[in-house]
Amino acid sequence: MVKKEFIYRGKTEAELKTLSLSELALLLPARARRSIKRGFNDYQKALLKKIKSGDKNIKTHCHDILVLPEMFGQIVKVYNGKEWQVVSITPDMIGHYLGEFILTRKPIKHNAPGIGATRSSASASVR
């Protein structure tokens, strides 16, 4: 089976890596364009610097950074509030934010109500 070549809005992965931020912003959706136009904060700049340096053990709390072409192929550990979750960055993630790939809340699984929780629990068996 032949792997299909990745294309984002008419640009291949190699072409995306050669684009400047202002050229890339023209291809991205409005929210991502605005994020690039405003510039990156200090935490985002530090993360980008680590990624460009080729560091292998990258950990960050930064959920609000856009996935850029220079991040392709990197493995980043993102903190979800309790533990570090590993995110492998692929070209399909371009234009999304890192936080979209990290679950910060567990799904709620309700069980039987506790004693005194509701009026109806008075008639429920205590066993």
N, C-alpha and C. Protein backbone atom coordinates (compact mmCIF):
# COMPACT_ATOMS: atom_id res chain seq x y z
N MET A 1 0.85 -1.17 0.00
CA MET A 1 0.00 0.00 0.00
C MET A 1 0.89 1.24 0.00
N VAL A 2 0.65 2.14 -0.89
CA VAL A 2 1.44 3.35 -1.02
C VAL A 2 0.87 4.42 -0.11
N LYS A 3 1.78 5.05 0.68
CA LYS A 3 1.34 6.11 1.57
C LYS A 3 1.02 7.35 0.76
N LYS A 4 -0.14 7.92 1.01
CA LYS A 4 -0.57 9.11 0.29
C LYS A 4 0.24 10.31 0.77
N GLU A 5 0.69 11.13 -0.17
CA GLU A 5 1.48 12.32 0.16
C GLU A 5 0.58 13.35 0.84
N PHE A 6 1.10 13.96 1.91
CA PHE A 6 0.33 14.95 2.65
C PHE A 6 0.32 16.27 1.88
N ILE A 7 -0.87 16.84 1.72
CA ILE A 7 -1.01 18.14 1.07
C ILE A 7 -1.97 18.98 1.91
N TYR A 8 -1.54 20.20 2.26
CA TYR A 8 -2.38 21.12 3.02
C TYR A 8 -2.60 22.36 2.17
N ARG A 9 -3.82 22.53 1.71
CA ARG A 9 -4.22 23.67 0.87
C ARG A 9 -3.28 23.86 -0.31
N GLY A 10 -2.94 22.76 -0.98
CA GLY A 10 -2.13 22.79 -2.18
C GLY A 10 -0.63 22.79 -1.95
N LYS A 11 -0.18 22.73 -0.70
CA LYS A 11 1.25 22.74 -0.39
C LYS A 11 1.64 21.38 0.21
N THR A 12 2.78 20.87 -0.23
CA THR A 12 3.29 19.62 0.33
C THR A 12 3.98 19.91 1.65
N GLU A 13 4.35 18.84 2.34
CA GLU A 13 5.00 19.00 3.65
C GLU A 13 6.32 19.75 3.52
N ALA A 14 7.09 19.45 2.49
CA ALA A 14 8.38 20.13 2.28
C ALA A 14 8.18 21.61 1.97
N GLU A 15 7.15 21.92 1.17
CA GLU A 15 6.88 23.33 0.84
C GLU A 15 6.42 24.10 2.08
N LEU A 16 5.64 23.45 2.94
CA LEU A 16 5.18 24.11 4.16
C LEU A 16 6.35 24.47 5.07
N LYS A 17 7.36 23.60 5.12
CA LYS A 17 8.51 23.86 5.99
C LYS A 17 9.34 25.05 5.51
N THR A 18 9.28 25.36 4.22
CA THR A 18 10.07 26.48 3.69
C THR A 18 9.35 27.82 3.81
N LEU A 19 8.05 27.81 4.11
CA LEU A 19 7.28 29.06 4.19
C LEU A 19 7.65 29.86 5.43
N SER A 20 7.61 31.18 5.32
CA SER A 20 7.77 32.04 6.49
C SER A 20 6.45 32.06 7.25
N LEU A 21 6.47 32.60 8.46
CA LEU A 21 5.25 32.65 9.28
C LEU A 21 4.15 33.48 8.61
N SER A 22 4.53 34.59 7.98
CA SER A 22 3.51 35.44 7.34
C SER A 22 2.89 34.73 6.13
N GLU A 23 3.70 33.96 5.39
CA GLU A 23 3.15 33.21 4.25
C GLU A 23 2.28 32.05 4.73
N LEU A 24 2.71 31.41 5.82
CA LEU A 24 1.94 30.31 6.39
C LEU A 24 0.61 30.80 6.92
N ALA A 25 0.61 31.99 7.51
CA ALA A 25 -0.62 32.55 8.10
C ALA A 25 -1.71 32.71 7.05
N LEU A 26 -1.33 32.98 5.82
CA LEU A 26 -2.32 33.14 4.76
C LEU A 26 -3.05 31.84 4.44
N LEU A 27 -2.42 30.70 4.74
CA LEU A 27 -3.03 29.40 4.47
C LEU A 27 -3.92 28.91 5.62
N LEU A 28 -3.69 29.45 6.80
CA LEU A 28 -4.36 28.94 8.00
C LEU A 28 -5.74 29.59 8.19
N PRO A 29 -6.59 28.97 9.02
CA PRO A 29 -7.90 29.57 9.34
C PRO A 29 -7.74 30.87 10.12
N ALA A 30 -8.83 31.61 10.26
CA ALA A 30 -8.80 32.96 10.83
C ALA A 30 -8.23 32.99 12.25
N ARG A 31 -8.64 32.07 13.10
CA ARG A 31 -8.17 32.09 14.49
C ARG A 31 -6.66 31.88 14.56
N ALA A 32 -6.14 30.97 13.76
CA ALA A 32 -4.70 30.70 13.73
C ALA A 32 -3.95 31.89 13.13
N ARG A 33 -4.54 32.51 12.10
CA ARG A 33 -3.92 33.69 11.48
C ARG A 33 -3.78 34.81 12.49
N ARG A 34 -4.82 35.02 13.27
CA ARG A 34 -4.79 36.08 14.28
C ARG A 34 -3.76 35.76 15.35
N SER A 35 -3.64 34.51 15.73
CA SER A 35 -2.67 34.09 16.74
C SER A 35 -1.24 34.39 16.26
N ILE A 36 -0.97 34.11 15.00
CA ILE A 36 0.36 34.39 14.44
C ILE A 36 0.59 35.90 14.33
N LYS A 37 -0.44 36.63 13.93
CA LYS A 37 -0.33 38.08 13.77
C LYS A 37 0.00 38.77 15.10
N ARG A 38 -0.61 38.28 16.19
CA ARG A 38 -0.35 38.86 17.51
C ARG A 38 1.04 38.55 18.01
N GLY A 39 1.63 37.46 17.51
CA GLY A 39 2.96 37.07 17.97
C GLY A 39 2.88 36.05 19.09
N PHE A 40 4.01 35.42 19.37
CA PHE A 40 4.06 34.38 20.39
C PHE A 40 4.50 34.98 21.72
N ASN A 41 4.01 34.40 22.83
CA ASN A 41 4.45 34.87 24.14
C ASN A 41 5.77 34.19 24.50
N ASP A 42 6.33 34.51 25.65
CA ASP A 42 7.65 34.01 26.03
C ASP A 42 7.70 32.49 26.15
N TYR A 43 6.63 31.90 26.69
CA TYR A 43 6.61 30.44 26.84
C TYR A 43 6.58 29.75 25.48
N GLN A 44 5.81 30.30 24.56
CA GLN A 44 5.72 29.74 23.22
C GLN A 44 7.05 29.88 22.49
N LYS A 45 7.71 31.04 22.66
CA LYS A 45 9.01 31.25 22.02
C LYS A 45 10.04 30.26 22.56
N ALA A 46 10.02 30.01 23.87
CA ALA A 46 10.95 29.06 24.48
C ALA A 46 10.71 27.65 23.95
N LEU A 47 9.45 27.28 23.78
CA LEU A 47 9.12 25.95 23.25
C LEU A 47 9.60 25.82 21.80
N LEU A 48 9.36 26.85 21.00
CA LEU A 48 9.81 26.81 19.61
C LEU A 48 11.33 26.71 19.52
N LYS A 49 12.03 27.40 20.43
CA LYS A 49 13.49 27.35 20.45
C LYS A 49 13.98 25.93 20.77
N LYS A 50 13.32 25.27 21.74
CA LYS A 50 13.67 23.89 22.08
C LYS A 50 13.44 22.95 20.90
N ILE A 51 12.32 23.16 20.21
CA ILE A 51 11.99 22.31 19.07
C ILE A 51 12.99 22.50 17.95
N LYS A 52 13.39 23.76 17.67
CA LYS A 52 14.36 24.04 16.61
C LYS A 52 15.74 23.49 16.94
N SER A 53 16.07 23.42 18.25
CA SER A 53 17.39 22.93 18.64
C SER A 53 17.50 21.42 18.47
N GLY A 54 16.37 20.73 18.30
CA GLY A 54 16.39 19.29 18.11
C GLY A 54 16.43 18.51 19.41
N ASP A 55 16.05 19.16 20.50
CA ASP A 55 16.01 18.50 21.80
C ASP A 55 15.03 17.33 21.75
N LYS A 56 15.40 16.20 22.35
CA LYS A 56 14.55 15.01 22.30
C LYS A 56 13.53 14.97 23.43
N ASN A 57 13.88 15.46 24.61
CA ASN A 57 12.97 15.41 25.75
C ASN A 57 12.35 16.78 25.97
N ILE A 58 11.26 17.04 25.25
CA ILE A 58 10.61 18.34 25.33
C ILE A 58 9.34 18.21 26.17
N LYS A 59 9.29 18.98 27.27
CA LYS A 59 8.11 19.01 28.12
C LYS A 59 7.59 20.44 28.16
N THR A 60 6.28 20.58 28.15
CA THR A 60 5.70 21.92 28.17
C THR A 60 4.34 21.93 28.84
N HIS A 61 3.98 23.10 29.35
CA HIS A 61 2.64 23.34 29.88
C HIS A 61 1.83 24.14 28.86
N CYS A 62 2.42 24.47 27.75
CA CYS A 62 1.86 25.38 26.77
C CYS A 62 0.85 24.66 25.86
N HIS A 63 -0.44 24.86 26.14
CA HIS A 63 -1.49 24.25 25.33
C HIS A 63 -1.90 25.15 24.18
N ASP A 64 -1.60 26.45 24.30
CA ASP A 64 -2.14 27.42 23.36
C ASP A 64 -1.18 27.79 22.24
N ILE A 65 -0.31 26.87 21.86
CA ILE A 65 0.60 27.14 20.75
C ILE A 65 0.11 26.39 19.52
N LEU A 66 0.19 27.05 18.39
CA LEU A 66 -0.20 26.45 17.13
C LEU A 66 0.81 25.38 16.72
N VAL A 67 0.33 24.36 16.06
CA VAL A 67 1.24 23.37 15.49
C VAL A 67 1.73 23.95 14.17
N LEU A 68 3.04 24.16 14.08
CA LEU A 68 3.67 24.75 12.91
C LEU A 68 4.46 23.68 12.16
N PRO A 69 4.77 23.92 10.87
CA PRO A 69 5.49 22.91 10.09
C PRO A 69 6.85 22.52 10.66
N GLU A 70 7.52 23.42 11.38
CA GLU A 70 8.82 23.09 11.94
C GLU A 70 8.74 22.08 13.08
N MET A 71 7.52 21.81 13.56
CA MET A 71 7.31 20.86 14.64
C MET A 71 7.07 19.43 14.14
N PHE A 72 6.87 19.26 12.84
CA PHE A 72 6.55 17.94 12.30
C PHE A 72 7.59 16.91 12.71
N GLY A 73 7.12 15.75 13.14
CA GLY A 73 8.02 14.66 13.50
C GLY A 73 8.52 14.70 14.93
N GLN A 74 8.22 15.75 15.67
CA GLN A 74 8.68 15.88 17.05
C GLN A 74 7.74 15.13 17.99
N ILE A 75 8.29 14.74 19.13
CA ILE A 75 7.49 14.16 20.20
C ILE A 75 7.58 15.12 21.37
N VAL A 76 6.42 15.62 21.80
CA VAL A 76 6.35 16.62 22.86
C VAL A 76 5.51 16.06 24.00
N LYS A 77 5.96 16.26 25.22
CA LYS A 77 5.18 15.86 26.39
C LYS A 77 4.48 17.11 26.91
N VAL A 78 3.15 17.05 26.96
CA VAL A 78 2.35 18.19 27.38
C VAL A 78 1.66 17.84 28.69
N TYR A 79 1.71 18.76 29.64
CA TYR A 79 1.13 18.54 30.97
C TYR A 79 -0.37 18.77 30.92
N ASN A 80 -1.14 17.80 31.43
CA ASN A 80 -2.59 17.94 31.38
C ASN A 80 -3.19 18.33 32.73
N GLY A 81 -2.34 18.65 33.70
CA GLY A 81 -2.80 19.01 35.03
C GLY A 81 -2.52 17.95 36.05
N LYS A 82 -2.21 16.75 35.59
CA LYS A 82 -1.92 15.65 36.50
C LYS A 82 -0.66 14.90 36.07
N GLU A 83 -0.49 14.71 34.76
CA GLU A 83 0.65 13.94 34.26
C GLU A 83 1.05 14.46 32.88
N TRP A 84 2.19 13.98 32.41
CA TRP A 84 2.69 14.38 31.09
C TRP A 84 2.13 13.42 30.06
N GLN A 85 1.47 13.95 29.04
CA GLN A 85 0.94 13.11 27.97
C GLN A 85 1.78 13.33 26.72
N VAL A 86 2.12 12.24 26.08
CA VAL A 86 2.99 12.29 24.90
C VAL A 86 2.16 12.60 23.66
N VAL A 87 2.62 13.59 22.90
CA VAL A 87 1.97 13.97 21.65
C VAL A 87 3.00 13.87 20.55
N SER A 88 2.73 13.02 19.58
CA SER A 88 3.59 12.91 18.41
C SER A 88 2.99 13.83 17.34
N ILE A 89 3.76 14.81 16.91
CA ILE A 89 3.22 15.84 16.00
C ILE A 89 3.35 15.37 14.55
N THR A 90 2.22 15.30 13.88
CA THR A 90 2.16 14.88 12.48
C THR A 90 1.70 16.05 11.62
N PRO A 91 1.91 15.98 10.31
CA PRO A 91 1.48 17.08 9.44
C PRO A 91 -0.03 17.33 9.46
N ASP A 92 -0.82 16.33 9.80
CA ASP A 92 -2.28 16.52 9.84
C ASP A 92 -2.71 17.52 10.92
N MET A 93 -1.83 17.78 11.89
CA MET A 93 -2.17 18.66 13.01
C MET A 93 -1.94 20.13 12.72
N ILE A 94 -1.44 20.47 11.55
CA ILE A 94 -1.10 21.87 11.25
C ILE A 94 -2.33 22.76 11.40
N GLY A 95 -2.14 23.92 12.02
CA GLY A 95 -3.22 24.88 12.22
C GLY A 95 -4.04 24.63 13.47
N HIS A 96 -3.82 23.50 14.15
CA HIS A 96 -4.52 23.21 15.40
C HIS A 96 -3.62 23.63 16.57
N TYR A 97 -4.18 23.65 17.75
CA TYR A 97 -3.43 23.99 18.95
C TYR A 97 -3.03 22.71 19.68
N LEU A 98 -1.91 22.74 20.39
CA LEU A 98 -1.44 21.56 21.12
C LEU A 98 -2.48 21.07 22.12
N GLY A 99 -3.18 21.98 22.75
CA GLY A 99 -4.16 21.62 23.76
C GLY A 99 -5.32 20.80 23.23
N GLU A 100 -5.54 20.82 21.92
CA GLU A 100 -6.63 20.05 21.33
C GLU A 100 -6.35 18.55 21.38
N PHE A 101 -5.10 18.17 21.56
CA PHE A 101 -4.72 16.77 21.54
C PHE A 101 -4.47 16.22 22.94
N ILE A 102 -4.76 17.02 23.96
CA ILE A 102 -4.56 16.62 25.35
C ILE A 102 -5.91 16.67 26.07
N LEU A 103 -6.28 15.56 26.70
CA LEU A 103 -7.50 15.56 27.50
C LEU A 103 -7.15 16.03 28.90
N THR A 104 -7.79 17.11 29.35
CA THR A 104 -7.50 17.65 30.68
C THR A 104 -8.56 17.25 31.69
N ARG A 105 -9.65 16.68 31.23
CA ARG A 105 -10.71 16.26 32.13
C ARG A 105 -11.07 14.81 31.83
N LYS A 106 -11.30 14.07 32.90
CA LYS A 106 -11.73 12.68 32.73
C LYS A 106 -13.24 12.65 32.53
N PRO A 107 -13.72 11.70 31.76
CA PRO A 107 -15.17 11.56 31.63
C PRO A 107 -15.78 11.16 32.98
N ILE A 108 -16.92 11.71 33.31
CA ILE A 108 -17.57 11.42 34.58
C ILE A 108 -18.32 10.11 34.46
N LYS A 109 -18.07 9.22 35.41
CA LYS A 109 -18.76 7.94 35.44
C LYS A 109 -19.54 7.88 36.75
N HIS A 110 -20.84 8.04 36.67
CA HIS A 110 -21.66 8.05 37.86
C HIS A 110 -21.95 6.63 38.32
N ASN A 111 -22.02 6.48 39.61
CA ASN A 111 -22.35 5.20 40.21
C ASN A 111 -23.65 5.39 41.00
N ALA A 112 -23.94 4.51 41.90
CA ALA A 112 -25.14 4.63 42.72
C ALA A 112 -25.01 5.84 43.64
N PRO A 113 -26.11 6.52 43.98
CA PRO A 113 -26.04 7.67 44.88
C PRO A 113 -25.66 7.25 46.29
N GLY A 114 -25.01 8.14 47.01
CA GLY A 114 -24.63 7.86 48.38
C GLY A 114 -25.81 8.00 49.32
N ILE A 115 -25.61 7.60 50.55
CA ILE A 115 -26.68 7.69 51.54
C ILE A 115 -26.94 9.15 51.85
N GLY A 116 -28.20 9.58 51.79
CA GLY A 116 -28.56 10.95 52.08
C GLY A 116 -28.33 11.90 50.91
N ALA A 117 -27.98 11.36 49.75
CA ALA A 117 -27.72 12.22 48.60
C ALA A 117 -29.00 12.85 48.07
N THR A 118 -30.05 12.06 48.01
CA THR A 118 -31.35 12.56 47.55
C THR A 118 -32.44 11.96 48.41
N ARG A 119 -33.64 12.49 48.26
CA ARG A 119 -34.76 11.93 49.01
C ARG A 119 -35.05 10.48 48.58
N SER A 120 -34.84 10.21 47.31
CA SER A 120 -35.14 8.86 46.84
C SER A 120 -34.13 7.84 47.34
N SER A 121 -32.96 8.29 47.80
CA SER A 121 -31.97 7.34 48.29
C SER A 121 -32.35 6.79 49.65
N ALA A 122 -33.33 7.40 50.30
CA ALA A 122 -33.77 6.90 51.61
C ALA A 122 -34.41 5.53 51.46
N SER A 123 -35.06 5.32 50.32
CA SER A 123 -35.72 4.03 50.11
C SER A 123 -34.79 3.01 49.45
N ALA A 124 -33.63 3.44 49.04
CA ALA A 124 -32.69 2.51 48.40
C ALA A 124 -32.05 1.64 49.46
N SER A 125 -31.70 0.41 49.06
CA SER A 125 -31.07 -0.50 50.03
C SER A 125 -29.67 -0.02 50.36
N VAL A 126 -29.26 -0.21 51.61
CA VAL A 126 -27.96 0.27 52.09
C VAL A 126 -26.87 -0.75 51.77
N ARG A 127 -27.21 -1.96 51.46
CA ARG A 127 -26.25 -3.02 51.19
C ARG A 127 -25.49 -2.82 49.96
